[in-house]
Protein backbone atom coordinates (compact mmCIF):
# COMPACT_ATOMS: atom_id res chain seq x y z
CA MET A 1 -32.68 -10.44 -28.81
CA LYS A 2 -33.78 -7.62 -31.03
CA PRO A 3 -33.75 -4.06 -29.55
CA GLU A 4 -37.52 -3.70 -29.97
CA GLU A 5 -38.02 -6.81 -27.80
CA ILE A 6 -36.34 -5.21 -24.77
CA HIS A 7 -38.68 -3.23 -22.47
CA LEU A 8 -37.85 -2.06 -18.96
CA GLY A 9 -41.38 -2.83 -17.83
CA ASP A 10 -41.26 -6.46 -18.97
CA ILE A 11 -41.19 -8.00 -15.47
CA LYS A 12 -41.70 -11.54 -16.76
CA ARG A 13 -38.56 -11.33 -18.92
CA TRP A 14 -36.66 -9.82 -15.98
CA LEU A 15 -37.53 -12.79 -13.78
CA PHE A 16 -37.69 -15.72 -16.18
CA GLY A 17 -35.99 -14.53 -19.38
CA GLN A 18 -37.15 -16.44 -22.44
CA THR A 19 -37.26 -19.87 -20.80
CA PRO A 20 -40.23 -21.51 -19.03
CA PRO A 21 -40.31 -21.53 -15.20
CA GLN A 22 -40.09 -25.35 -15.25
CA PHE A 23 -36.50 -24.99 -16.43
CA MET A 24 -35.54 -23.96 -12.88
CA TRP A 25 -35.53 -27.61 -11.80
CA GLU A 26 -33.01 -28.40 -14.50
CA VAL A 27 -30.96 -25.35 -13.50
CA ALA A 28 -30.86 -26.60 -9.90
CA LEU A 29 -29.77 -30.08 -11.02
CA ARG A 30 -27.14 -28.65 -13.36
CA THR A 31 -25.72 -26.58 -10.48
CA VAL A 32 -25.30 -29.63 -8.25
CA LEU A 33 -23.68 -31.68 -11.02
CA ILE A 34 -21.27 -28.90 -12.06
CA PHE A 35 -20.37 -28.27 -8.41
CA ILE A 36 -19.47 -31.94 -7.90
CA ILE A 37 -17.43 -32.03 -11.12
CA LEU A 38 -15.67 -28.80 -10.16
CA LEU A 39 -14.86 -30.17 -6.69
CA LEU A 40 -13.34 -33.28 -8.29
CA ALA A 41 -11.27 -31.12 -10.65
CA VAL A 42 -9.90 -29.05 -7.78
CA HIS A 43 -9.00 -32.26 -5.91
CA LEU A 44 -7.04 -33.48 -8.93
CA MET A 45 -5.21 -30.16 -9.26
CA GLY A 46 -3.69 -30.58 -5.80
CA LYS A 47 -3.92 -28.91 -2.41
CA ARG A 48 -1.88 -25.86 -3.30
CA MET A 49 -4.58 -24.79 -5.73
CA SER A 50 -6.77 -23.92 -2.78
CA GLY A 51 -4.23 -21.79 -0.89
CA GLN A 52 -5.63 -20.99 2.55
CA ILE A 53 -9.26 -21.87 1.86
CA THR A 54 -10.84 -25.30 1.69
CA LEU A 55 -11.52 -27.13 -1.56
CA THR A 56 -15.27 -26.71 -1.26
CA GLU A 57 -14.90 -22.99 -0.55
CA LEU A 58 -12.75 -22.57 -3.65
CA ALA A 59 -15.29 -24.50 -5.71
CA VAL A 60 -18.09 -22.29 -4.39
CA MET A 61 -16.15 -19.11 -5.23
CA ILE A 62 -15.63 -20.25 -8.81
CA THR A 63 -19.25 -21.36 -9.09
CA LEU A 64 -20.56 -18.02 -7.79
CA GLY A 65 -18.50 -16.16 -10.37
CA ALA A 66 -20.00 -18.27 -13.13
CA ILE A 67 -23.51 -17.79 -11.73
CA VAL A 68 -23.66 -13.99 -11.60
CA SER A 69 -22.08 -13.29 -14.98
CA PRO A 70 -24.87 -14.53 -17.35
CA VAL A 71 -27.78 -13.03 -15.40
CA MET A 72 -26.04 -9.65 -15.37
CA GLN A 73 -25.02 -9.55 -19.03
CA LEU A 74 -27.49 -11.61 -21.09
CA PRO A 75 -30.97 -10.13 -21.59
CA ASP A 76 -32.54 -13.54 -22.27
CA ARG A 77 -31.47 -14.88 -18.87
CA GLY A 78 -33.80 -14.07 -15.99
CA ILE A 79 -32.51 -12.86 -12.62
CA PHE A 80 -34.73 -15.38 -10.89
CA PHE A 81 -32.73 -18.27 -12.35
CA GLY A 82 -29.55 -16.77 -10.94
CA VAL A 83 -31.19 -16.51 -7.52
CA VAL A 84 -32.19 -20.20 -7.71
CA VAL A 85 -28.66 -21.23 -8.62
CA LEU A 86 -27.18 -19.10 -5.83
CA ALA A 87 -29.61 -20.61 -3.33
CA VAL A 88 -28.77 -24.15 -4.47
CA ALA A 89 -25.03 -23.46 -4.19
CA VAL A 90 -25.42 -22.02 -0.68
CA VAL A 91 -27.61 -24.89 0.53
CA PHE A 92 -25.27 -27.42 -1.06
CA GLN A 93 -22.21 -25.86 0.62
CA ARG A 94 -23.87 -25.59 4.02
CA GLY A 95 -25.12 -29.16 3.67
CA ILE A 96 -21.61 -30.43 2.91
CA ASN A 97 -20.22 -28.58 5.95
CA TYR A 98 -22.94 -30.05 8.16
CA LEU A 99 -22.32 -33.59 6.90
CA GLY A 100 -18.58 -33.08 7.34
CA PHE A 101 -19.16 -32.01 10.94
CA LYS A 102 -21.25 -35.12 11.59
CA ASN A 103 -19.17 -37.63 9.60
CA GLU A 104 -15.36 -37.73 9.46
CA LYS A 105 -15.37 -39.66 6.18
CA VAL A 106 -17.41 -36.92 4.49
CA GLU A 107 -15.03 -34.30 5.88
CA LYS A 108 -11.99 -36.09 4.46
CA LEU A 109 -13.72 -36.60 1.11
CA THR A 110 -14.70 -32.93 0.68
CA GLN A 111 -11.94 -31.09 2.57
CA GLY A 112 -8.99 -33.38 1.87
CA GLU A 113 -6.43 -34.82 4.29
CA MET A 114 -3.21 -33.65 5.90
CA SER A 115 0.06 -35.00 4.41
CA LEU A 116 3.31 -35.63 6.29
CA LEU A 117 6.15 -34.33 4.08
CA ILE A 118 9.19 -34.43 6.40
CA LYS A 119 9.76 -36.80 9.32
CA ASP A 120 12.83 -36.50 11.57
CA GLY A 121 14.87 -34.65 8.96
CA LYS A 122 13.99 -36.95 6.05
CA LEU A 123 11.61 -36.46 3.15
CA VAL A 124 8.57 -38.73 3.03
CA LEU A 125 8.75 -39.40 -0.70
CA GLU A 126 5.51 -41.40 -0.90
CA GLU A 127 3.46 -38.50 0.50
CA MET A 128 5.22 -35.99 -1.75
CA ALA A 129 4.31 -38.10 -4.77
CA LYS A 130 0.66 -38.20 -3.66
CA THR A 131 0.51 -34.42 -3.29
CA ASN A 132 2.44 -33.74 -6.55
CA LEU A 133 5.07 -31.69 -4.72
CA THR A 134 8.69 -31.53 -5.85
CA LYS A 135 11.70 -31.34 -3.55
CA GLN A 136 12.42 -27.82 -4.71
CA GLN A 137 8.93 -26.70 -3.71
CA VAL A 138 9.44 -28.16 -0.24
CA PHE A 139 12.91 -26.61 0.02
CA ALA A 140 11.53 -23.22 -0.98
CA MET A 141 8.96 -23.52 1.80
CA LEU A 142 11.72 -24.31 4.32
CA ARG A 143 13.89 -21.42 3.14
CA GLU A 144 10.93 -19.11 3.63
CA LYS A 145 10.86 -20.25 7.28
CA LYS A 146 14.62 -19.55 7.64
CA ILE A 147 15.44 -23.26 7.89
CA GLN A 148 18.82 -24.16 6.38
CA ASN A 149 18.86 -27.96 6.37
CA LEU A 150 16.48 -30.89 6.77
CA GLY A 151 18.10 -31.97 10.03
CA LYS A 152 16.45 -28.99 11.73
CA VAL A 153 12.93 -30.23 10.86
CA LYS A 154 11.13 -32.61 13.24
CA ARG A 155 7.88 -32.65 11.25
CA ALA A 156 6.52 -30.78 8.23
CA TYR A 157 2.90 -31.12 7.18
CA LEU A 158 0.90 -30.00 4.19
CA GLU A 159 -2.50 -29.21 5.65
CA ALA A 160 -5.72 -30.06 3.83
CA CYS A 161 -6.22 -26.36 3.01
CA GLY A 162 -2.78 -26.15 1.34
CA VAL A 163 -0.88 -24.44 4.18
CA PHE A 164 2.52 -25.74 5.40
CA SER A 165 3.00 -26.43 9.12
CA ILE A 166 6.57 -26.92 10.35
CA PHE A 167 7.85 -28.13 13.73
CA GLU A 168 11.57 -27.63 14.30
CA SER A 169 13.73 -30.05 16.24
CA ASP A 170 15.37 -28.93 19.47
CA GLU A 171 18.46 -30.93 18.57
CA THR A 172 21.17 -29.77 16.19
CA LYS A 173 21.61 -32.45 13.54
CA LEU A 174 23.42 -32.90 10.27
CA GLY A 175 21.10 -32.82 7.29
CA LEU A 176 20.59 -32.23 3.60
CA PRO A 177 21.01 -28.50 2.89
CA VAL A 178 17.98 -26.74 1.43
CA LEU A 179 20.00 -23.75 0.24
CA PRO A 180 20.81 -23.75 -3.51
CA ALA A 181 23.98 -25.71 -4.30
CA SER A 182 24.90 -23.05 -6.84
CA ASP A 183 25.20 -20.48 -4.05
CA PRO A 184 28.92 -20.28 -3.05
CA VAL A 185 28.02 -18.79 0.33
CA ILE A 186 26.46 -22.06 1.50
CA LYS A 187 29.66 -23.35 3.11
CA SER A 188 30.09 -20.19 5.15
CA ILE A 189 26.49 -20.31 6.36
CA LEU A 190 26.45 -24.00 7.32
CA GLY A 191 28.91 -26.23 9.14
CA GLU A 192 30.31 -28.89 6.83
CA SER A 193 30.37 -32.55 7.92
CA PRO A 194 33.35 -34.93 7.73
CA ASP A 195 33.97 -36.45 4.30
CA SER A 196 32.58 -39.86 5.27
CA ILE A 197 29.20 -38.48 6.40
CA MET A 198 26.95 -37.68 3.46
CA ALA A 199 23.31 -36.77 2.86
CA CYS A 200 21.14 -38.53 0.30
CA CYS A 201 20.00 -36.06 -2.36
CA ASN A 202 16.80 -38.04 -2.88
CA CYS A 203 15.36 -38.36 0.64
CA GLY A 204 17.77 -36.43 2.90
CA HIS A 205 18.87 -39.44 4.96
CA VAL A 206 22.32 -38.91 6.53
CA GLN A 207 24.72 -41.84 6.83
CA THR A 208 28.37 -42.83 6.67
CA THR A 209 29.33 -43.81 3.12
CA SER A 210 32.31 -45.61 1.64
CA GLY A 211 32.12 -43.81 -1.70
CA LYS A 212 29.88 -42.33 -4.39
CA ASP A 213 28.57 -45.79 -5.33
CA SER A 214 27.11 -46.36 -1.87
CA ARG A 215 23.34 -46.81 -1.62
CA CYS A 216 21.05 -44.95 0.72
CA ASP A 217 19.81 -47.20 3.53
CA LEU A 218 16.39 -45.55 3.35
CA CYS A 219 15.53 -45.09 -0.35
CA ASN A 220 18.36 -47.01 -2.10
CA ALA A 221 19.41 -43.94 -4.12
CA ALA A 222 23.08 -43.39 -4.98
CA GLU A 223 23.27 -39.60 -5.29
CA TRP A 224 25.06 -37.90 -2.40
CA THR A 225 26.07 -34.47 -1.20
CA LYS A 226 27.79 -33.07 1.85
CA ALA A 227 25.69 -33.10 5.01
CA TYR A 228 25.64 -29.74 6.73
CA LEU A 229 24.95 -28.47 10.21
CA SER A 230 22.92 -25.32 10.83
CA LYS A 231 25.02 -22.76 12.66
């Protein structure tokens, strides 16, 4: 816009900018479509993108940031259009929450599902592949909880909101160490198993092996390391 076209008393431009009021219906429809596309994108990025908030909440936060910027900075964009978009986003979010409360399928579709990552000291590789998590990411999470080997873990979940939940086993079992193999202190921290008892580097399953060429009974991998016992 030219400077001479900007007047503080131009209420119509303040509210509607330079577009006709009928454009508000298109703005509302655009908001819904972008919100759905954004929600799909966040789903594809994985649960850890959302941190400790739900996927829909993250999508709303990003949408709100995009909404307020143009109406604050561009003189040809009316404030009223921003209000319409904000209202549509709020109604859409509240509507999704209500439908999720009433219907479990809607809740799973919009909020995501919990994933079981560790079961009885062994990695659930299929679930890790679905959530795009690597073993090192899971091990880092366990180290943060002061857990030294997989044998100490009864269950580990990745919640729908991206938070890890860990339940430790009351039993003391041999397991795959989660401490870095390059750390020479590992042997002094953990109790080493007999030579014949090894842990699968792929899934963490512990079994008696006859040599390096032995196959894991659980995942059929052939890469082994010493099984350790948490002290």
